[in-house]
PDB file of N, CA and C in Angstrom:
ATOM      1  N   UNK A   1      -1.765   2.545  27.818  1.00  0.00           N
ATOM      2  CA  UNK A   1      -1.240   3.457  26.819  1.00  0.00           C
ATOM      3  C   UNK A   1      -2.040   3.324  25.542  1.00  0.00           C
ATOM      4  N   UNK A   2      -2.341   4.443  24.964  1.00  0.00           N
ATOM      5  CA  UNK A   2      -3.075   4.393  23.703  1.00  0.00           C
ATOM      6  C   UNK A   2      -2.096   4.516  22.539  1.00  0.00           C
ATOM      7  N   UNK A   3      -2.473   3.879  21.446  1.00  0.00           N
ATOM      8  CA  UNK A   3      -1.632   3.946  20.253  1.00  0.00           C
ATOM      9  C   UNK A   3      -1.862   5.280  19.559  1.00  0.00           C
ATOM     10  N   UNK A   4      -0.829   5.804  18.879  1.00  0.00           N
ATOM     11  CA  UNK A   4      -1.034   7.052  18.150  1.00  0.00           C
ATOM     12  C   UNK A   4      -2.063   6.829  17.046  1.00  0.00           C
ATOM     13  N   UNK A   5      -2.904   7.830  16.842  1.00  0.00           N
ATOM     14  CA  UNK A   5      -3.927   7.695  15.808  1.00  0.00           C
ATOM     15  C   UNK A   5      -3.304   7.885  14.430  1.00  0.00           C
ATOM     16  N   UNK A   6      -3.760   7.066  13.505  1.00  0.00           N
ATOM     17  CA  UNK A   6      -3.294   7.170  12.125  1.00  0.00           C
ATOM     18  C   UNK A   6      -4.071   8.290  11.439  1.00  0.00           C
ATOM     19  N   UNK A   7      -3.403   9.044  10.554  1.00  0.00           N
ATOM     20  CA  UNK A   7      -4.133  10.082   9.828  1.00  0.00           C
ATOM     21  C   UNK A   7      -5.212   9.444   8.950  1.00  0.00           C
ATOM     22  N   UNK A   8      -6.287  10.166   8.751  1.00  0.00           N
ATOM     23  CA  UNK A   8      -7.388   9.664   7.927  1.00  0.00           C
ATOM     24  C   UNK A   8      -6.940   9.536   6.478  1.00  0.00           C
ATOM     25  N   UNK A   9      -7.302   8.403   5.860  1.00  0.00           N
ATOM     26  CA  UNK A   9      -7.010   8.220   4.443  1.00  0.00           C
ATOM     27  C   UNK A   9      -8.139   8.824   3.629  1.00  0.00           C
ATOM     28  N   UNK A  10      -7.773   9.485   2.542  1.00  0.00           N
ATOM     29  CA  UNK A  10      -8.760  10.070   1.644  1.00  0.00           C
ATOM     30  C   UNK A  10      -8.485   9.581   0.230  1.00  0.00           C
ATOM     31  N   UNK A  11      -9.553   9.472  -0.546  1.00  0.00           N
ATOM     32  CA  UNK A  11      -9.411   9.112  -1.950  1.00  0.00           C
ATOM     33  C   UNK A  11      -9.048  10.346  -2.756  1.00  0.00           C
ATOM     34  N   UNK A  12      -8.148  10.174  -3.709  1.00  0.00           N
ATOM     35  CA  UNK A  12      -7.742  11.284  -4.569  1.00  0.00           C
ATOM     36  C   UNK A  12      -7.720  10.827  -6.026  1.00  0.00           C
ATOM     37  N   UNK A  13      -7.934  11.790  -6.909  1.00  0.00           N
ATOM     38  CA  UNK A  13      -7.825  11.580  -8.347  1.00  0.00           C
ATOM     39  C   UNK A  13      -6.793  12.582  -8.838  1.00  0.00           C
ATOM     40  N   UNK A  14      -5.809  12.097  -9.586  1.00  0.00           N
ATOM     41  CA  UNK A  14      -4.712  12.953 -10.026  1.00  0.00           C
ATOM     42  C   UNK A  14      -4.625  12.989 -11.542  1.00  0.00           C
ATOM     43  N   UNK A  15      -4.269  14.147 -12.068  1.00  0.00           N
ATOM     44  CA  UNK A  15      -3.929  14.293 -13.480  1.00  0.00           C
ATOM     45  C   UNK A  15      -2.430  14.547 -13.534  1.00  0.00           C
ATOM     46  N   UNK A  16      -1.736  13.774 -14.375  1.00  0.00           N
ATOM     47  CA  UNK A  16      -0.281  13.885 -14.463  1.00  0.00           C
ATOM     48  C   UNK A  16       0.136  13.949 -15.926  1.00  0.00           C
ATOM     49  N   UNK A  17       1.393  14.294 -16.153  1.00  0.00           N
ATOM     50  CA  UNK A  17       1.956  14.354 -17.500  1.00  0.00           C
ATOM     51  C   UNK A  17       1.921  12.954 -18.111  1.00  0.00           C
ATOM     52  N   UNK A  18       1.102  12.729 -19.154  1.00  0.00           N
ATOM     53  CA  UNK A  18       1.002  11.375 -19.713  1.00  0.00           C
ATOM     54  C   UNK A  18       2.290  10.890 -20.367  1.00  0.00           C
ATOM     55  N   UNK A  19       3.151  11.807 -20.789  1.00  0.00           N
ATOM     56  CA  UNK A  19       4.415  11.412 -21.411  1.00  0.00           C
ATOM     57  C   UNK A  19       5.418  10.881 -20.390  1.00  0.00           C
ATOM     58  N   UNK A  20       5.189  11.167 -19.110  1.00  0.00           N
ATOM     59  CA  UNK A  20       6.088  10.719 -18.037  1.00  0.00           C
ATOM     60  C   UNK A  20       5.314   9.929 -16.990  1.00  0.00           C
ATOM     61  N   UNK A  21       4.249   9.273 -17.411  1.00  0.00           N
ATOM     62  CA  UNK A  21       3.304   8.652 -16.488  1.00  0.00           C
ATOM     63  C   UNK A  21       3.982   7.735 -15.469  1.00  0.00           C
ATOM     64  N   UNK A  22       4.743   6.760 -15.930  1.00  0.00           N
ATOM     65  CA  UNK A  22       5.356   5.783 -15.015  1.00  0.00           C
ATOM     66  C   UNK A  22       6.290   6.466 -14.018  1.00  0.00           C
ATOM     67  N   UNK A  23       7.064   7.419 -14.488  1.00  0.00           N
ATOM     68  CA  UNK A  23       8.006   8.139 -13.620  1.00  0.00           C
ATOM     69  C   UNK A  23       7.260   8.930 -12.541  1.00  0.00           C
ATOM     70  N   UNK A  24       6.195   9.629 -12.944  1.00  0.00           N
ATOM     71  CA  UNK A  24       5.432  10.444 -11.998  1.00  0.00           C
ATOM     72  C   UNK A  24       4.702   9.549 -10.988  1.00  0.00           C
ATOM     73  N   UNK A  25       4.129   8.438 -11.460  1.00  0.00           N
ATOM     74  CA  UNK A  25       3.433   7.518 -10.553  1.00  0.00           C
ATOM     75  C   UNK A  25       4.398   6.979  -9.498  1.00  0.00           C
ATOM     76  N   UNK A  26       5.597   6.632  -9.904  1.00  0.00           N
ATOM     77  CA  UNK A  26       6.582   6.133  -8.934  1.00  0.00           C
ATOM     78  C   UNK A  26       6.918   7.209  -7.901  1.00  0.00           C
ATOM     79  N   UNK A  27       7.073   8.457  -8.336  1.00  0.00           N
ATOM     80  CA  UNK A  27       7.349   9.554  -7.401  1.00  0.00           C
ATOM     81  C   UNK A  27       6.169   9.758  -6.448  1.00  0.00           C
ATOM     82  N   UNK A  28       4.954   9.607  -6.951  1.00  0.00           N
ATOM     83  CA  UNK A  28       3.770   9.741  -6.096  1.00  0.00           C
ATOM     84  C   UNK A  28       3.719   8.626  -5.052  1.00  0.00           C
ATOM     85  N   UNK A  29       4.086   7.429  -5.444  1.00  0.00           N
ATOM     86  CA  UNK A  29       4.135   6.322  -4.473  1.00  0.00           C
ATOM     87  C   UNK A  29       5.144   6.628  -3.373  1.00  0.00           C
ATOM     88  N   UNK A  30       6.293   7.154  -3.761  1.00  0.00           N
ATOM     89  CA  UNK A  30       7.305   7.511  -2.751  1.00  0.00           C
ATOM     90  C   UNK A  30       6.800   8.616  -1.826  1.00  0.00           C
ATOM     91  N   UNK A  31       5.891   9.464  -2.329  1.00  0.00           N
ATOM     92  CA  UNK A  31       5.338  10.556  -1.525  1.00  0.00           C
ATOM     93  C   UNK A  31       4.179  10.097  -0.641  1.00  0.00           C
ATOM     94  N   UNK A  32       3.803   8.806  -0.735  1.00  0.00           N
ATOM     95  CA  UNK A  32       2.786   8.277   0.165  1.00  0.00           C
ATOM     96  C   UNK A  32       1.491   7.817  -0.474  1.00  0.00           C
ATOM     97  N   UNK A  33       1.362   7.910  -1.789  1.00  0.00           N
ATOM     98  CA  UNK A  33       0.129   7.508  -2.463  1.00  0.00           C
ATOM     99  C   UNK A  33       0.060   5.993  -2.625  1.00  0.00           C
ATOM    100  N   UNK A  34      -1.083   5.415  -2.299  1.00  0.00           N
ATOM    101  CA  UNK A  34      -1.379   4.023  -2.625  1.00  0.00           C
ATOM    102  C   UNK A  34      -2.268   4.057  -3.861  1.00  0.00           C
ATOM    103  N   UNK A  35      -1.742   3.589  -4.977  1.00  0.00           N
ATOM    104  CA  UNK A  35      -2.456   3.671  -6.252  1.00  0.00           C
ATOM    105  C   UNK A  35      -3.526   2.585  -6.302  1.00  0.00           C
ATOM    106  N   UNK A  36      -4.756   2.991  -6.677  1.00  0.00           N
ATOM    107  CA  UNK A  36      -5.855   2.032  -6.806  1.00  0.00           C
ATOM    108  C   UNK A  36      -6.326   1.881  -8.246  1.00  0.00           C
ATOM    109  N   UNK A  37      -5.947   2.807  -9.116  1.00  0.00           N
ATOM    110  CA  UNK A  37      -6.335   2.716 -10.523  1.00  0.00           C
ATOM    111  C   UNK A  37      -5.456   3.611 -11.372  1.00  0.00           C
ATOM    112  N   UNK A  38      -5.153   3.144 -12.579  1.00  0.00           N
ATOM    113  CA  UNK A  38      -4.303   3.914 -13.494  1.00  0.00           C
ATOM    114  C   UNK A  38      -4.949   3.984 -14.871  1.00  0.00           C
ATOM    115  N   UNK A  39      -4.877   5.152 -15.495  1.00  0.00           N
ATOM    116  CA  UNK A  39      -5.316   5.366 -16.865  1.00  0.00           C
ATOM    117  C   UNK A  39      -4.192   6.102 -17.594  1.00  0.00           C
ATOM    118  N   UNK A  40      -3.113   5.383 -17.964  1.00  0.00           N
ATOM    119  CA  UNK A  40      -1.922   6.033 -18.513  1.00  0.00           C
ATOM    120  C   UNK A  40      -2.175   6.833 -19.788  1.00  0.00           C
ATOM    121  N   UNK A  41      -3.054   6.344 -20.659  1.00  0.00           N
ATOM    122  CA  UNK A  41      -3.315   7.061 -21.914  1.00  0.00           C
ATOM    123  C   UNK A  41      -3.913   8.435 -21.628  1.00  0.00           C
ATOM    124  N   UNK A  42      -4.755   8.510 -20.603  1.00  0.00           N
ATOM    125  CA  UNK A  42      -5.378   9.778 -20.232  1.00  0.00           C
ATOM    126  C   UNK A  42      -4.508  10.610 -19.301  1.00  0.00           C
ATOM    127  N   UNK A  43      -3.510   9.986 -18.693  1.00  0.00           N
ATOM    128  CA  UNK A  43      -2.668  10.695 -17.733  1.00  0.00           C
ATOM    129  C   UNK A  43      -3.364  10.913 -16.406  1.00  0.00           C
ATOM    130  N   UNK A  44      -4.230   9.969 -16.020  1.00  0.00           N
ATOM    131  CA  UNK A  44      -4.916  10.096 -14.736  1.00  0.00           C
ATOM    132  C   UNK A  44      -4.739   8.825 -13.919  1.00  0.00           C
ATOM    133  N   UNK A  45      -4.868   8.980 -12.610  1.00  0.00           N
ATOM    134  CA  UNK A  45      -4.821   7.842 -11.712  1.00  0.00           C
ATOM    135  C   UNK A  45      -5.598   8.179 -10.460  1.00  0.00           C
ATOM    136  N   UNK A  46      -5.938   7.150  -9.714  1.00  0.00           N
ATOM    137  CA  UNK A  46      -6.646   7.340  -8.457  1.00  0.00           C
ATOM    138  C   UNK A  46      -5.916   6.566  -7.377  1.00  0.00           C
ATOM    139  N   UNK A  47      -6.176   6.966  -6.144  1.00  0.00           N
ATOM    140  CA  UNK A  47      -5.530   6.285  -5.041  1.00  0.00           C
ATOM    141  C   UNK A  47      -5.997   6.817  -3.709  1.00  0.00           C
ATOM    142  N   UNK A  48      -5.327   6.348  -2.662  1.00  0.00           N
ATOM    143  CA  UNK A  48      -5.600   6.830  -1.315  1.00  0.00           C
ATOM    144  C   UNK A  48      -4.297   7.329  -0.705  1.00  0.00           C
ATOM    145  N   UNK A  49      -4.443   8.292   0.186  1.00  0.00           N
ATOM    146  CA  UNK A  49      -3.287   8.901   0.827  1.00  0.00           C
ATOM    147  C   UNK A  49      -3.741   9.486   2.159  1.00  0.00           C
ATOM    148  N   UNK A  50      -2.832   9.570   3.104  1.00  0.00           N
ATOM    149  CA  UNK A  50      -3.140  10.260   4.356  1.00  0.00           C
ATOM    150  C   UNK A  50      -3.436  11.721   4.025  1.00  0.00           C
ATOM    151  N   UNK A  51      -4.471  12.242   4.647  1.00  0.00           N
ATOM    152  CA  UNK A  51      -4.912  13.603   4.326  1.00  0.00           C
ATOM    153  C   UNK A  51      -3.782  14.627   4.442  1.00  0.00           C
ATOM    154  N   UNK A  52      -2.915  14.447   5.424  1.00  0.00           N
ATOM    155  CA  UNK A  52      -1.834  15.418   5.611  1.00  0.00           C
ATOM    156  C   UNK A  52      -0.723  15.290   4.566  1.00  0.00           C
ATOM    157  N   UNK A  53      -0.796  14.291   3.679  1.00  0.00           N
ATOM    158  CA  UNK A  53       0.213  14.103   2.626  1.00  0.00           C
ATOM    159  C   UNK A  53      -0.218  14.707   1.286  1.00  0.00           C
ATOM    160  N   UNK A  54      -1.446  15.225   1.191  1.00  0.00           N
ATOM    161  CA  UNK A  54      -1.912  15.795  -0.076  1.00  0.00           C
ATOM    162  C   UNK A  54      -0.980  16.897  -0.575  1.00  0.00           C
ATOM    163  N   UNK A  55      -0.521  17.823   0.271  1.00  0.00           N
ATOM    164  CA  UNK A  55       0.404  18.841  -0.233  1.00  0.00           C
ATOM    165  C   UNK A  55       1.679  18.249  -0.834  1.00  0.00           C
ATOM    166  N   UNK A  56       2.153  17.120  -0.302  1.00  0.00           N
ATOM    167  CA  UNK A  56       3.351  16.472  -0.850  1.00  0.00           C
ATOM    168  C   UNK A  56       3.085  15.933  -2.251  1.00  0.00           C
ATOM    169  N   UNK A  57       1.864  15.488  -2.517  1.00  0.00           N
ATOM    170  CA  UNK A  57       1.522  15.009  -3.859  1.00  0.00           C
ATOM    171  C   UNK A  57       1.462  16.164  -4.850  1.00  0.00           C
ATOM    172  N   UNK A  58       0.928  17.291  -4.401  1.00  0.00           N
ATOM    173  CA  UNK A  58       0.738  18.443  -5.290  1.00  0.00           C
ATOM    174  C   UNK A  58       2.050  19.007  -5.820  1.00  0.00           C
ATOM    175  N   UNK A  59       3.142  18.816  -5.098  1.00  0.00           N
ATOM    176  CA  UNK A  59       4.422  19.393  -5.522  1.00  0.00           C
ATOM    177  C   UNK A  59       5.307  18.415  -6.285  1.00  0.00           C
ATOM    178  N   UNK A  60       4.831  17.187  -6.516  1.00  0.00           N
ATOM    179  CA  UNK A  60       5.611  16.222  -7.297  1.00  0.00           C
ATOM    180  C   UNK A  60       5.698  16.726  -8.734  1.00  0.00           C
ATOM    181  N   UNK A  61       6.902  16.735  -9.287  1.00  0.00           N
ATOM    182  CA  UNK A  61       7.109  17.192 -10.658  1.00  0.00           C
ATOM    183  C   UNK A  61       6.319  16.310 -11.618  1.00  0.00           C
ATOM    184  N   UNK A  62       5.510  16.927 -12.462  1.00  0.00           N
ATOM    185  CA  UNK A  62       4.699  16.189 -13.422  1.00  0.00           C
ATOM    186  C   UNK A  62       3.239  16.074 -13.015  1.00  0.00           C
ATOM    187  N   UNK A  63       2.902  16.462 -11.784  1.00  0.00           N
ATOM    188  CA  UNK A  63       1.507  16.430 -11.332  1.00  0.00           C
ATOM    189  C   UNK A  63       0.826  17.720 -11.769  1.00  0.00           C
ATOM    190  N   UNK A  64      -0.290  17.569 -12.474  1.00  0.00           N
ATOM    191  CA  UNK A  64      -1.037  18.731 -12.948  1.00  0.00           C
ATOM    192  C   UNK A  64      -2.164  19.119 -11.997  1.00  0.00           C
ATOM    193  N   UNK A  65      -2.800  18.129 -11.368  1.00  0.00           N
ATOM    194  CA  UNK A  65      -3.850  18.442 -10.393  1.00  0.00           C
ATOM    195  C   UNK A  65      -4.073  17.266  -9.455  1.00  0.00           C
ATOM    196  N   UNK A  66      -4.535  17.599  -8.247  1.00  0.00           N
ATOM    197  CA  UNK A  66      -4.908  16.602  -7.240  1.00  0.00           C
ATOM    198  C   UNK A  66      -6.288  17.005  -6.738  1.00  0.00           C
ATOM    199  N   UNK A  67      -7.259  16.117  -6.904  1.00  0.00           N
ATOM    200  CA  UNK A  67      -8.627  16.381  -6.451  1.00  0.00           C
ATOM    201  C   UNK A  67      -9.064  15.276  -5.507  1.00  0.00           C
ATOM    202  N   UNK A  68      -9.781  15.660  -4.470  1.00  0.00           N
ATOM    203  CA  UNK A  68     -10.352  14.664  -3.561  1.00  0.00           C
ATOM    204  C   UNK A  68     -11.513  13.976  -4.260  1.00  0.00           C
ATOM    205  N   UNK A  69     -11.635  12.664  -4.025  1.00  0.00           N
ATOM    206  CA  UNK A  69     -12.802  11.953  -4.532  1.00  0.00           C
ATOM    207  C   UNK A  69     -14.035  12.471  -3.810  1.00  0.00           C
ATOM    208  N   UNK A  70     -15.141  12.494  -4.521  1.00  0.00           N
ATOM    209  CA  UNK A  70     -16.403  12.921  -3.922  1.00  0.00           C
ATOM    210  C   UNK A  70     -17.396  11.778  -4.019  1.00  0.00           C
ATOM    211  N   UNK A  71     -18.211  11.648  -3.012  1.00  0.00           N
ATOM    212  CA  UNK A  71     -19.262  10.641  -3.016  1.00  0.00           C
ATOM    213  C   UNK A  71     -20.590  11.347  -3.222  1.00  0.00           C
ATOM    214  N   UNK A  72     -21.323  10.909  -4.222  1.00  0.00           N
ATOM    215  CA  UNK A  72     -22.645  11.461  -4.501  1.00  0.00           C
ATOM    216  C   UNK A  72     -23.667  10.384  -4.184  1.00  0.00           C
ATOM    217  N   UNK A  73     -24.629  10.736  -3.382  1.00  0.00           N
ATOM    218  CA  UNK A  73     -25.687   9.785  -3.033  1.00  0.00           C
ATOM    219  C   UNK A  73     -27.001  10.288  -3.620  1.00  0.00           C
ATOM    220  N   UNK A  74     -27.614   9.458  -4.420  1.00  0.00           N
ATOM    221  CA  UNK A  74     -28.892   9.796  -5.029  1.00  0.00           C
ATOM    222  C   UNK A  74     -30.007   9.055  -4.303  1.00  0.00           C
ATOM    223  N   UNK A  75     -31.194   9.664  -4.261  1.00  0.00           N
ATOM    224  CA  UNK A  75     -32.311   8.959  -3.642  1.00  0.00           C
ATOM    225  C   UNK A  75     -32.727   7.778  -4.524  1.00  0.00           C
ATOM    226  N   UNK A  76     -33.434   6.820  -3.954  1.00  0.00           N
ATOM    227  CA  UNK A  76     -33.910   5.692  -4.756  1.00  0.00           C
ATOM    228  C   UNK A  76     -34.786   6.185  -5.912  1.00  0.00           C
ATOM    229  N   UNK A  77     -34.812   5.464  -7.027  1.00  0.00           N
ATOM    230  CA  UNK A  77     -35.569   5.924  -8.192  1.00  0.00           C
ATOM    231  C   UNK A  77     -37.064   6.086  -7.935  1.00  0.00           C
ATOM    232  N   UNK A  78     -37.609   5.370  -6.975  1.00  0.00           N
ATOM    233  CA  UNK A  78     -39.047   5.480  -6.719  1.00  0.00           C
ATOM    234  C   UNK A  78     -39.387   6.510  -5.638  1.00  0.00           C
ATOM    235  N   UNK A  79     -38.414   7.287  -5.187  1.00  0.00           N
ATOM    236  CA  UNK A  79     -38.691   8.300  -4.165  1.00  0.00           C
ATOM    237  C   UNK A  79     -39.333   9.525  -4.820  1.00  0.00           C
ATOM    238  N   UNK A  80     -40.077  10.314  -4.045  1.00  0.00           N
ATOM    239  CA  UNK A  80     -40.711  11.513  -4.609  1.00  0.00           C
ATOM    240  C   UNK A  80     -39.655  12.512  -5.091  1.00  0.00           C
ATOM    241  N   UNK A  81     -40.048  13.327  -6.042  1.00  0.00           N
ATOM    242  CA  UNK A  81     -39.147  14.367  -6.558  1.00  0.00           C
ATOM    243  C   UNK A  81     -38.854  15.347  -5.440  1.00  0.00           C
ATOM    244  N   UNK A  82     -37.604  15.762  -5.363  1.00  0.00           N
ATOM    245  CA  UNK A  82     -37.213  16.648  -4.267  1.00  0.00           C
ATOM    246  C   UNK A  82     -37.108  18.068  -4.716  1.00  0.00           C
TER     247      UNK A  82
END
């Protein structure tokens, strides 16, 4: 028997109401977010979540935006100009 596959985790960056930061972060945790970084003064945080849970994060009261983290890879500094 094979085990059920776990949904893929994705990195997300969220902007939330800074006046309700702690309350919104707690609601996001209940919605499935694992918080990896917080910037309360700016009203932003980062974390990981199962890809299928992103819509649940977007509807949490106090969430202004949810963006997927992006990875940018640059060539080595000594590589030819592209």
